[in-house]
Amino acid sequence: MKGEGWLERACETGTLSSSFTGRRHFKATQEPSCPVNCKSPGEGFHAMTLLQTYQLQNCQDPSSFPNGDIINSDYSAGQSITFQCYSGYVLIGHPVLTCLHGSNRKWNHPFPRCEAPCGYNVSAENGTIYSPQYPNEYPNSQDCSWLITVPHGHGVYINFTLLQTEPVTDYIAVW
């Protein structure tokens, strides 16, 4: 068909192929010195192709991750990083993020965060319980309960390393 064809770009790092009609602009993500070949099955074929290159970028560095760890430090396209929280915190959001391909690199989900929950069931042999929003002050009107379960024949040792409550209205009950 007259005026239609395809563009092929072959390099050591990959191939970019696409159909086109009329003017089309392509951005190459491989080496800028690779050749571009235009071919058409029809007669009288003319094409104007603009090949632009850009520097490959990494996704945004998550920098610090309060109350948890980041597994992997490769932030390039196609790579994934995993987030995990310290004991006593729960992960809010997606635990695995992948750096998307394209000229404007970004993660496929927002960065997660680790929060101290307002109560949950604890069944580990040891751990730490934090008040909500620790190390900041906990919110008003919170009623949090933690259920600590241990194997038969074991006891529970509770050590309050930091305890700051408001007089009269706040209290801790252990039973």
N, C-alpha and C. Protein backbone atom coordinates (compact mmCIF):
# COMPACT_ATOMS: atom_id res chain seq x y z
N MET A 1 0.85 -1.17 0.00
CA MET A 1 0.00 0.00 0.00
C MET A 1 0.90 1.23 0.00
N LYS A 2 0.65 2.17 -0.88
CA LYS A 2 1.49 3.35 -1.05
C LYS A 2 1.43 4.22 0.21
N GLY A 3 2.61 4.68 0.66
CA GLY A 3 2.69 5.59 1.80
C GLY A 3 2.72 4.89 3.15
N GLU A 4 2.72 3.57 3.17
CA GLU A 4 2.83 2.86 4.43
C GLU A 4 4.10 2.03 4.42
N GLY A 5 4.65 1.75 5.58
CA GLY A 5 5.87 0.97 5.65
C GLY A 5 6.22 0.68 7.08
N TRP A 6 7.46 0.39 7.30
CA TRP A 6 7.89 0.13 8.67
C TRP A 6 9.30 0.63 8.87
N LEU A 7 9.60 0.88 10.12
CA LEU A 7 10.92 1.37 10.52
C LEU A 7 11.58 0.28 11.33
N GLU A 8 12.83 0.00 11.01
CA GLU A 8 13.57 -0.98 11.80
C GLU A 8 14.86 -0.36 12.29
N ARG A 9 15.14 -0.57 13.53
CA ARG A 9 16.37 -0.05 14.14
C ARG A 9 17.03 -1.21 14.85
N ALA A 10 18.16 -1.67 14.34
CA ALA A 10 18.83 -2.82 14.94
C ALA A 10 20.17 -2.40 15.54
N CYS A 11 20.42 -2.85 16.75
CA CYS A 11 21.67 -2.54 17.45
C CYS A 11 22.11 -3.78 18.21
N GLU A 12 23.27 -3.70 18.81
CA GLU A 12 23.72 -4.79 19.67
C GLU A 12 22.78 -4.95 20.87
N THR A 13 22.16 -3.85 21.31
CA THR A 13 21.35 -3.89 22.52
C THR A 13 19.88 -4.17 22.25
N GLY A 14 19.43 -4.30 21.00
CA GLY A 14 18.02 -4.60 20.75
C GLY A 14 17.54 -4.06 19.43
N THR A 15 16.26 -4.26 19.14
CA THR A 15 15.65 -3.83 17.90
C THR A 15 14.37 -3.07 18.20
N LEU A 16 14.15 -1.99 17.47
CA LEU A 16 12.92 -1.22 17.57
C LEU A 16 12.25 -1.29 16.21
N SER A 17 11.03 -1.85 16.14
CA SER A 17 10.29 -1.93 14.88
C SER A 17 8.92 -1.33 15.08
N SER A 18 8.42 -0.60 14.08
CA SER A 18 7.10 0.00 14.20
C SER A 18 6.55 0.33 12.82
N SER A 19 5.23 0.21 12.67
CA SER A 19 4.59 0.65 11.43
C SER A 19 4.41 2.15 11.48
N PHE A 20 4.39 2.77 10.31
CA PHE A 20 4.14 4.20 10.29
C PHE A 20 3.48 4.62 9.00
N THR A 21 2.75 5.72 9.07
CA THR A 21 2.17 6.36 7.90
C THR A 21 2.47 7.84 8.04
N GLY A 22 3.06 8.44 7.05
CA GLY A 22 3.39 9.86 7.13
C GLY A 22 4.56 10.10 8.06
N ARG A 23 4.54 11.23 8.78
CA ARG A 23 5.63 11.59 9.70
C ARG A 23 5.43 10.92 11.05
N ARG A 24 6.49 10.45 11.59
CA ARG A 24 6.44 9.79 12.90
C ARG A 24 7.74 10.10 13.62
N HIS A 25 7.69 10.34 14.91
CA HIS A 25 8.89 10.63 15.69
C HIS A 25 9.13 9.46 16.64
N PHE A 26 10.35 8.98 16.69
CA PHE A 26 10.71 7.87 17.56
C PHE A 26 11.79 8.31 18.53
N LYS A 27 11.77 7.75 19.71
CA LYS A 27 12.84 7.96 20.66
C LYS A 27 13.56 6.64 20.84
N ALA A 28 14.84 6.63 20.67
CA ALA A 28 15.61 5.39 20.81
C ALA A 28 16.15 5.29 22.24
N THR A 29 16.06 4.10 22.79
CA THR A 29 16.58 3.91 24.14
C THR A 29 17.92 3.19 24.14
N GLN A 30 18.44 2.85 22.94
CA GLN A 30 19.72 2.18 22.88
C GLN A 30 20.80 3.16 22.41
N GLU A 31 21.88 2.64 21.87
CA GLU A 31 23.01 3.47 21.45
C GLU A 31 22.59 4.45 20.36
N PRO A 32 22.99 5.74 20.44
CA PRO A 32 22.59 6.74 19.44
C PRO A 32 23.25 6.55 18.08
N SER A 33 24.25 5.68 17.94
CA SER A 33 24.95 5.53 16.67
C SER A 33 24.39 4.40 15.82
N CYS A 34 23.30 3.75 16.22
CA CYS A 34 22.73 2.65 15.47
C CYS A 34 22.04 3.17 14.21
N PRO A 35 22.08 2.39 13.13
CA PRO A 35 21.46 2.85 11.87
C PRO A 35 19.94 2.73 11.91
N VAL A 36 19.26 3.54 11.14
CA VAL A 36 17.81 3.48 10.97
C VAL A 36 17.54 3.20 9.51
N ASN A 37 16.76 2.15 9.20
CA ASN A 37 16.44 1.79 7.83
C ASN A 37 14.94 1.91 7.62
N CYS A 38 14.52 2.62 6.58
CA CYS A 38 13.10 2.73 6.23
C CYS A 38 12.87 1.89 4.99
N LYS A 39 11.81 1.05 5.02
CA LYS A 39 11.49 0.20 3.88
C LYS A 39 10.01 0.32 3.60
N SER A 40 9.64 0.18 2.32
CA SER A 40 8.23 0.24 1.94
C SER A 40 7.98 -0.72 0.80
N PRO A 41 6.84 -1.42 0.84
CA PRO A 41 6.51 -2.31 -0.27
C PRO A 41 5.98 -1.55 -1.49
N GLY A 42 5.59 -0.29 -1.34
CA GLY A 42 5.00 0.47 -2.45
C GLY A 42 6.00 1.29 -3.20
N GLU A 43 5.59 1.83 -4.36
CA GLU A 43 6.45 2.69 -5.15
C GLU A 43 6.28 4.14 -4.71
N GLY A 44 7.25 4.95 -5.01
CA GLY A 44 7.18 6.37 -4.71
C GLY A 44 7.11 6.66 -3.23
N PHE A 45 7.72 5.84 -2.43
CA PHE A 45 7.66 5.98 -0.97
C PHE A 45 8.62 7.07 -0.51
N HIS A 46 8.14 7.96 0.35
CA HIS A 46 8.97 8.99 0.95
C HIS A 46 8.67 9.02 2.44
N ALA A 47 9.69 9.21 3.24
CA ALA A 47 9.48 9.26 4.69
C ALA A 47 10.44 10.26 5.30
N MET A 48 9.97 10.91 6.33
CA MET A 48 10.84 11.77 7.13
C MET A 48 10.84 11.18 8.54
N THR A 49 11.97 10.73 8.99
CA THR A 49 12.08 10.10 10.30
C THR A 49 13.07 10.87 11.15
N LEU A 50 12.63 11.25 12.33
CA LEU A 50 13.49 11.95 13.27
C LEU A 50 13.83 10.98 14.39
N LEU A 51 15.09 10.69 14.54
CA LEU A 51 15.55 9.78 15.59
C LEU A 51 16.16 10.62 16.69
N GLN A 52 15.59 10.53 17.88
CA GLN A 52 16.12 11.27 19.02
C GLN A 52 16.59 10.28 20.08
N THR A 53 17.66 10.58 20.73
CA THR A 53 18.15 9.73 21.80
C THR A 53 18.08 10.48 23.12
N TYR A 54 18.09 9.74 24.19
CA TYR A 54 18.12 10.35 25.51
C TYR A 54 18.93 9.47 26.45
N GLN A 55 19.42 10.09 27.48
CA GLN A 55 20.21 9.39 28.48
C GLN A 55 19.28 8.53 29.34
N LEU A 56 19.62 7.27 29.51
CA LEU A 56 18.81 6.40 30.36
C LEU A 56 18.90 6.86 31.81
N GLN A 57 17.77 6.90 32.45
CA GLN A 57 17.69 7.35 33.84
C GLN A 57 17.26 6.20 34.73
N ASN A 58 17.61 6.28 35.99
CA ASN A 58 17.12 5.34 36.98
C ASN A 58 15.84 5.88 37.59
N CYS A 59 15.10 5.01 38.25
CA CYS A 59 13.94 5.47 39.01
C CYS A 59 14.43 6.21 40.25
N GLN A 60 13.52 6.97 40.84
CA GLN A 60 13.84 7.77 42.03
C GLN A 60 14.36 6.88 43.16
N ASP A 61 15.42 7.34 43.79
CA ASP A 61 15.99 6.65 44.94
C ASP A 61 15.03 6.80 46.12
N PRO A 62 14.60 5.70 46.72
CA PRO A 62 13.68 5.82 47.86
C PRO A 62 14.35 6.39 49.11
N SER A 63 15.65 6.60 49.06
CA SER A 63 16.46 7.13 50.17
C SER A 63 16.15 6.39 51.47
N SER A 64 15.71 7.06 52.49
CA SER A 64 15.48 6.38 53.76
C SER A 64 14.11 5.72 53.78
N PHE A 65 14.01 4.65 54.52
CA PHE A 65 12.75 3.93 54.68
C PHE A 65 12.57 3.71 56.19
N PRO A 66 11.93 4.68 56.87
CA PRO A 66 11.81 4.60 58.34
C PRO A 66 11.13 3.32 58.80
N ASN A 67 11.71 2.70 59.81
CA ASN A 67 11.18 1.50 60.47
C ASN A 67 11.19 0.26 59.58
N GLY A 68 12.09 0.24 58.59
CA GLY A 68 12.18 -0.94 57.73
C GLY A 68 13.43 -0.93 56.87
N ASP A 69 13.51 -1.93 56.01
CA ASP A 69 14.65 -2.10 55.11
C ASP A 69 14.20 -2.19 53.66
N ILE A 70 15.11 -1.82 52.74
CA ILE A 70 14.90 -1.96 51.31
C ILE A 70 15.87 -3.02 50.82
N ILE A 71 15.34 -4.03 50.13
CA ILE A 71 16.16 -5.10 49.59
C ILE A 71 16.42 -4.78 48.12
N ASN A 72 17.67 -4.78 47.72
CA ASN A 72 18.14 -4.47 46.36
C ASN A 72 18.38 -2.96 46.24
N SER A 73 19.39 -2.58 45.50
CA SER A 73 19.71 -1.17 45.33
C SER A 73 19.89 -0.80 43.85
N ASP A 74 19.34 -1.63 42.96
CA ASP A 74 19.40 -1.35 41.53
C ASP A 74 18.08 -0.71 41.12
N TYR A 75 18.13 0.60 40.78
CA TYR A 75 16.92 1.35 40.46
C TYR A 75 16.76 1.57 38.96
N SER A 76 17.36 0.70 38.14
CA SER A 76 17.26 0.86 36.69
C SER A 76 15.99 0.17 36.16
N ALA A 77 15.65 0.46 34.91
CA ALA A 77 14.41 -0.04 34.30
C ALA A 77 14.32 -1.56 34.38
N GLY A 78 13.15 -2.05 34.76
CA GLY A 78 12.90 -3.47 34.84
C GLY A 78 13.31 -4.11 36.15
N GLN A 79 14.06 -3.39 36.97
CA GLN A 79 14.50 -3.95 38.25
C GLN A 79 13.45 -3.71 39.34
N SER A 80 13.44 -4.59 40.33
CA SER A 80 12.48 -4.49 41.44
C SER A 80 13.21 -4.32 42.76
N ILE A 81 12.56 -3.62 43.67
CA ILE A 81 13.04 -3.49 45.04
C ILE A 81 11.93 -3.97 45.97
N THR A 82 12.33 -4.54 47.10
CA THR A 82 11.39 -5.09 48.07
C THR A 82 11.52 -4.34 49.38
N PHE A 83 10.40 -4.04 50.00
CA PHE A 83 10.36 -3.33 51.27
C PHE A 83 9.91 -4.29 52.36
N GLN A 84 10.54 -4.23 53.53
CA GLN A 84 10.11 -5.03 54.67
C GLN A 84 10.24 -4.20 55.93
N CYS A 85 9.31 -4.40 56.85
CA CYS A 85 9.27 -3.61 58.09
C CYS A 85 9.97 -4.35 59.22
N TYR A 86 10.46 -3.57 60.18
CA TYR A 86 11.02 -4.14 61.40
C TYR A 86 9.90 -4.76 62.22
N SER A 87 10.27 -5.63 63.12
CA SER A 87 9.31 -6.26 64.03
C SER A 87 8.53 -5.18 64.78
N GLY A 88 7.22 -5.36 64.89
CA GLY A 88 6.36 -4.40 65.57
C GLY A 88 5.71 -3.40 64.64
N TYR A 89 6.08 -3.42 63.36
CA TYR A 89 5.51 -2.52 62.36
C TYR A 89 4.86 -3.34 61.25
N VAL A 90 3.88 -2.77 60.58
CA VAL A 90 3.25 -3.43 59.44
C VAL A 90 3.44 -2.56 58.20
N LEU A 91 3.54 -3.23 57.06
CA LEU A 91 3.75 -2.54 55.78
C LEU A 91 2.42 -2.06 55.23
N ILE A 92 2.35 -0.79 54.90
CA ILE A 92 1.19 -0.19 54.27
C ILE A 92 1.58 0.12 52.83
N GLY A 93 0.96 -0.57 51.87
CA GLY A 93 1.30 -0.39 50.46
C GLY A 93 1.84 -1.67 49.86
N HIS A 94 2.38 -1.56 48.66
CA HIS A 94 2.90 -2.72 47.93
C HIS A 94 4.31 -3.04 48.42
N PRO A 95 4.61 -4.32 48.72
CA PRO A 95 5.94 -4.69 49.20
C PRO A 95 7.01 -4.71 48.12
N VAL A 96 6.61 -4.87 46.83
CA VAL A 96 7.58 -4.94 45.73
C VAL A 96 7.23 -3.87 44.71
N LEU A 97 8.22 -3.04 44.35
CA LEU A 97 8.05 -2.01 43.33
C LEU A 97 9.01 -2.31 42.19
N THR A 98 8.56 -2.06 40.95
CA THR A 98 9.37 -2.29 39.76
C THR A 98 9.54 -0.97 39.01
N CYS A 99 10.77 -0.70 38.57
CA CYS A 99 11.06 0.51 37.80
C CYS A 99 10.57 0.31 36.37
N LEU A 100 9.66 1.18 35.92
CA LEU A 100 9.06 1.05 34.60
C LEU A 100 9.99 1.56 33.50
N HIS A 101 9.85 0.99 32.32
CA HIS A 101 10.61 1.43 31.14
C HIS A 101 10.02 2.75 30.62
N GLY A 102 10.80 3.48 29.84
CA GLY A 102 10.34 4.72 29.24
C GLY A 102 11.29 5.86 29.54
N SER A 103 11.09 6.98 28.86
CA SER A 103 11.99 8.12 29.03
C SER A 103 11.80 8.79 30.37
N ASN A 104 10.62 8.69 30.96
CA ASN A 104 10.35 9.28 32.28
C ASN A 104 10.21 8.14 33.27
N ARG A 105 11.32 7.71 33.84
CA ARG A 105 11.33 6.53 34.71
C ARG A 105 10.58 6.79 36.00
N LYS A 106 9.73 5.83 36.37
CA LYS A 106 9.02 5.92 37.64
C LYS A 106 8.69 4.52 38.12
N TRP A 107 8.40 4.40 39.41
CA TRP A 107 8.03 3.12 40.01
C TRP A 107 6.57 2.82 39.68
N ASN A 108 6.23 1.54 39.64
CA ASN A 108 4.86 1.13 39.28
C ASN A 108 3.85 1.34 40.40
N HIS A 109 4.29 1.64 41.62
CA HIS A 109 3.41 1.95 42.75
C HIS A 109 4.08 3.01 43.61
N PRO A 110 3.32 3.73 44.44
CA PRO A 110 3.93 4.67 45.38
C PRO A 110 4.77 3.93 46.42
N PHE A 111 5.71 4.64 47.03
CA PHE A 111 6.52 4.03 48.08
C PHE A 111 5.64 3.63 49.25
N PRO A 112 5.83 2.42 49.79
CA PRO A 112 5.07 2.02 50.97
C PRO A 112 5.65 2.66 52.22
N ARG A 113 5.04 2.40 53.36
CA ARG A 113 5.55 2.91 54.64
C ARG A 113 5.31 1.85 55.70
N CYS A 114 6.05 1.93 56.78
CA CYS A 114 5.89 1.03 57.92
C CYS A 114 5.24 1.81 59.06
N GLU A 115 4.15 1.26 59.58
CA GLU A 115 3.44 1.92 60.68
C GLU A 115 3.28 0.97 61.85
N ALA A 116 3.28 1.55 63.03
CA ALA A 116 2.95 0.77 64.22
C ALA A 116 1.43 0.70 64.30
N PRO A 117 0.86 -0.49 64.25
CA PRO A 117 -0.60 -0.61 64.24
C PRO A 117 -1.20 -0.41 65.63
N CYS A 118 -2.47 -0.10 65.64
CA CYS A 118 -3.21 0.03 66.89
C CYS A 118 -3.79 -1.34 67.22
N GLY A 119 -2.97 -2.20 67.78
CA GLY A 119 -3.39 -3.53 68.17
C GLY A 119 -3.29 -4.55 67.05
N TYR A 120 -2.87 -5.74 67.42
CA TYR A 120 -2.81 -6.88 66.50
C TYR A 120 -2.46 -8.11 67.32
N ASN A 121 -2.49 -9.26 66.70
CA ASN A 121 -2.15 -10.51 67.38
C ASN A 121 -0.66 -10.78 67.24
N VAL A 122 0.00 -11.03 68.36
CA VAL A 122 1.44 -11.30 68.38
C VAL A 122 1.62 -12.77 68.74
N SER A 123 2.32 -13.51 67.87
CA SER A 123 2.55 -14.92 68.17
C SER A 123 4.03 -15.29 68.05
N ALA A 124 4.89 -14.33 67.85
CA ALA A 124 6.33 -14.59 67.75
C ALA A 124 6.90 -14.85 69.15
N GLU A 125 8.05 -15.50 69.19
CA GLU A 125 8.68 -15.79 70.48
C GLU A 125 9.24 -14.54 71.13
N ASN A 126 9.54 -13.53 70.36
CA ASN A 126 9.98 -12.25 70.91
C ASN A 126 9.65 -11.15 69.91
N GLY A 127 9.66 -9.93 70.36
CA GLY A 127 9.34 -8.83 69.48
C GLY A 127 9.15 -7.55 70.25
N THR A 128 8.71 -6.53 69.55
CA THR A 128 8.50 -5.21 70.14
C THR A 128 7.13 -4.72 69.74
N ILE A 129 6.44 -4.11 70.68
CA ILE A 129 5.14 -3.50 70.40
C ILE A 129 5.31 -2.00 70.54
N TYR A 130 4.89 -1.27 69.52
CA TYR A 130 4.97 0.18 69.51
C TYR A 130 3.57 0.76 69.53
N SER A 131 3.43 1.93 70.12
CA SER A 131 2.14 2.62 70.05
C SER A 131 2.00 3.22 68.65
N PRO A 132 0.76 3.44 68.19
CA PRO A 132 0.56 4.01 66.85
C PRO A 132 1.32 5.33 66.67
N GLN A 133 1.92 5.48 65.51
CA GLN A 133 2.70 6.65 65.10
C GLN A 133 4.02 6.80 65.85
N TYR A 134 4.43 5.77 66.61
CA TYR A 134 5.72 5.83 67.29
C TYR A 134 6.81 6.10 66.26
N PRO A 135 7.77 6.96 66.53
CA PRO A 135 8.14 7.58 67.81
C PRO A 135 7.39 8.87 68.13
N ASN A 136 6.46 9.27 67.27
CA ASN A 136 5.64 10.45 67.58
C ASN A 136 4.57 10.09 68.60
N GLU A 137 3.87 11.09 69.10
CA GLU A 137 2.80 10.84 70.05
C GLU A 137 1.67 10.09 69.38
N TYR A 138 1.01 9.22 70.11
CA TYR A 138 -0.11 8.48 69.55
C TYR A 138 -1.32 9.40 69.43
N PRO A 139 -2.23 9.09 68.51
CA PRO A 139 -3.41 9.95 68.29
C PRO A 139 -4.36 9.92 69.48
N ASN A 140 -5.23 10.91 69.57
CA ASN A 140 -6.24 10.97 70.62
C ASN A 140 -7.29 9.87 70.42
N SER A 141 -7.93 9.50 71.51
CA SER A 141 -9.06 8.57 71.50
C SER A 141 -8.72 7.21 70.88
N GLN A 142 -7.55 6.71 71.12
CA GLN A 142 -7.15 5.40 70.63
C GLN A 142 -7.47 4.34 71.69
N ASP A 143 -8.00 3.23 71.27
CA ASP A 143 -8.26 2.10 72.15
C ASP A 143 -7.63 0.88 71.49
N CYS A 144 -6.40 0.59 71.84
CA CYS A 144 -5.63 -0.46 71.17
C CYS A 144 -5.49 -1.68 72.07
N SER A 145 -5.62 -2.85 71.48
CA SER A 145 -5.45 -4.10 72.22
C SER A 145 -4.54 -5.03 71.43
N TRP A 146 -3.55 -5.58 72.11
CA TRP A 146 -2.66 -6.56 71.51
C TRP A 146 -2.89 -7.89 72.22
N LEU A 147 -3.06 -8.94 71.48
CA LEU A 147 -3.21 -10.27 72.03
C LEU A 147 -1.90 -11.00 71.82
N ILE A 148 -1.23 -11.35 72.91
CA ILE A 148 0.06 -12.03 72.84
C ILE A 148 -0.18 -13.51 73.15
N THR A 149 0.14 -14.37 72.19
CA THR A 149 -0.05 -15.81 72.34
C THR A 149 1.31 -16.49 72.32
N VAL A 150 1.56 -17.35 73.31
CA VAL A 150 2.84 -18.08 73.38
C VAL A 150 2.55 -19.57 73.45
N PRO A 151 3.52 -20.39 73.08
CA PRO A 151 3.32 -21.85 73.14
C PRO A 151 3.11 -22.31 74.58
N HIS A 152 2.45 -23.45 74.72
CA HIS A 152 2.22 -24.04 76.04
C HIS A 152 3.55 -24.23 76.78
N GLY A 153 3.57 -23.88 78.04
CA GLY A 153 4.78 -24.02 78.84
C GLY A 153 5.69 -22.80 78.80
N HIS A 154 5.29 -21.74 78.10
CA HIS A 154 6.08 -20.51 78.01
C HIS A 154 5.35 -19.38 78.73
N GLY A 155 6.10 -18.37 79.13
CA GLY A 155 5.54 -17.18 79.75
C GLY A 155 5.81 -15.96 78.90
N VAL A 156 5.33 -14.82 79.37
CA VAL A 156 5.54 -13.55 78.66
C VAL A 156 6.25 -12.60 79.61
N TYR A 157 7.33 -12.02 79.16
CA TYR A 157 8.07 -11.00 79.90
C TYR A 157 7.84 -9.69 79.17
N ILE A 158 7.31 -8.70 79.86
CA ILE A 158 7.04 -7.40 79.26
C ILE A 158 7.95 -6.38 79.92
N ASN A 159 8.72 -5.68 79.10
CA ASN A 159 9.65 -4.66 79.58
C ASN A 159 9.28 -3.34 78.91
N PHE A 160 8.77 -2.40 79.67
CA PHE A 160 8.42 -1.08 79.13
C PHE A 160 9.70 -0.23 79.11
N THR A 161 10.27 -0.02 77.93
CA THR A 161 11.51 0.75 77.83
C THR A 161 11.22 2.24 77.74
N LEU A 162 10.01 2.62 77.32
CA LEU A 162 9.60 4.01 77.26
C LEU A 162 8.10 4.05 77.46
N LEU A 163 7.66 4.81 78.45
CA LEU A 163 6.24 4.88 78.75
C LEU A 163 5.87 6.31 79.08
N GLN A 164 5.09 6.92 78.20
CA GLN A 164 4.64 8.29 78.41
C GLN A 164 3.14 8.34 78.11
N THR A 165 2.35 8.50 79.15
CA THR A 165 0.90 8.58 78.98
C THR A 165 0.39 9.87 79.60
N GLU A 166 -0.82 10.25 79.23
CA GLU A 166 -1.45 11.41 79.84
C GLU A 166 -2.13 10.96 81.13
N PRO A 167 -2.00 11.74 82.20
CA PRO A 167 -2.62 11.34 83.47
C PRO A 167 -4.14 11.28 83.36
N VAL A 168 -4.75 10.40 84.11
CA VAL A 168 -6.18 10.21 84.27
C VAL A 168 -6.82 9.53 83.06
N THR A 169 -6.63 10.04 81.84
CA THR A 169 -7.34 9.51 80.68
C THR A 169 -6.66 8.30 80.04
N ASP A 170 -5.35 8.19 80.13
CA ASP A 170 -4.63 7.10 79.49
C ASP A 170 -4.16 6.08 80.51
N TYR A 171 -4.19 4.80 80.11
CA TYR A 171 -3.71 3.76 81.00
C TYR A 171 -3.31 2.55 80.17
N ILE A 172 -2.59 1.65 80.83
CA ILE A 172 -2.19 0.37 80.21
C ILE A 172 -2.67 -0.71 81.16
N ALA A 173 -3.37 -1.68 80.64
CA ALA A 173 -3.83 -2.81 81.44
C ALA A 173 -3.22 -4.09 80.87
N VAL A 174 -2.66 -4.92 81.74
CA VAL A 174 -2.10 -6.19 81.33
C VAL A 174 -2.81 -7.26 82.14
N TRP A 175 -3.43 -8.22 81.50
CA TRP A 175 -4.09 -9.30 82.21
C TRP A 175 -3.95 -10.60 81.47
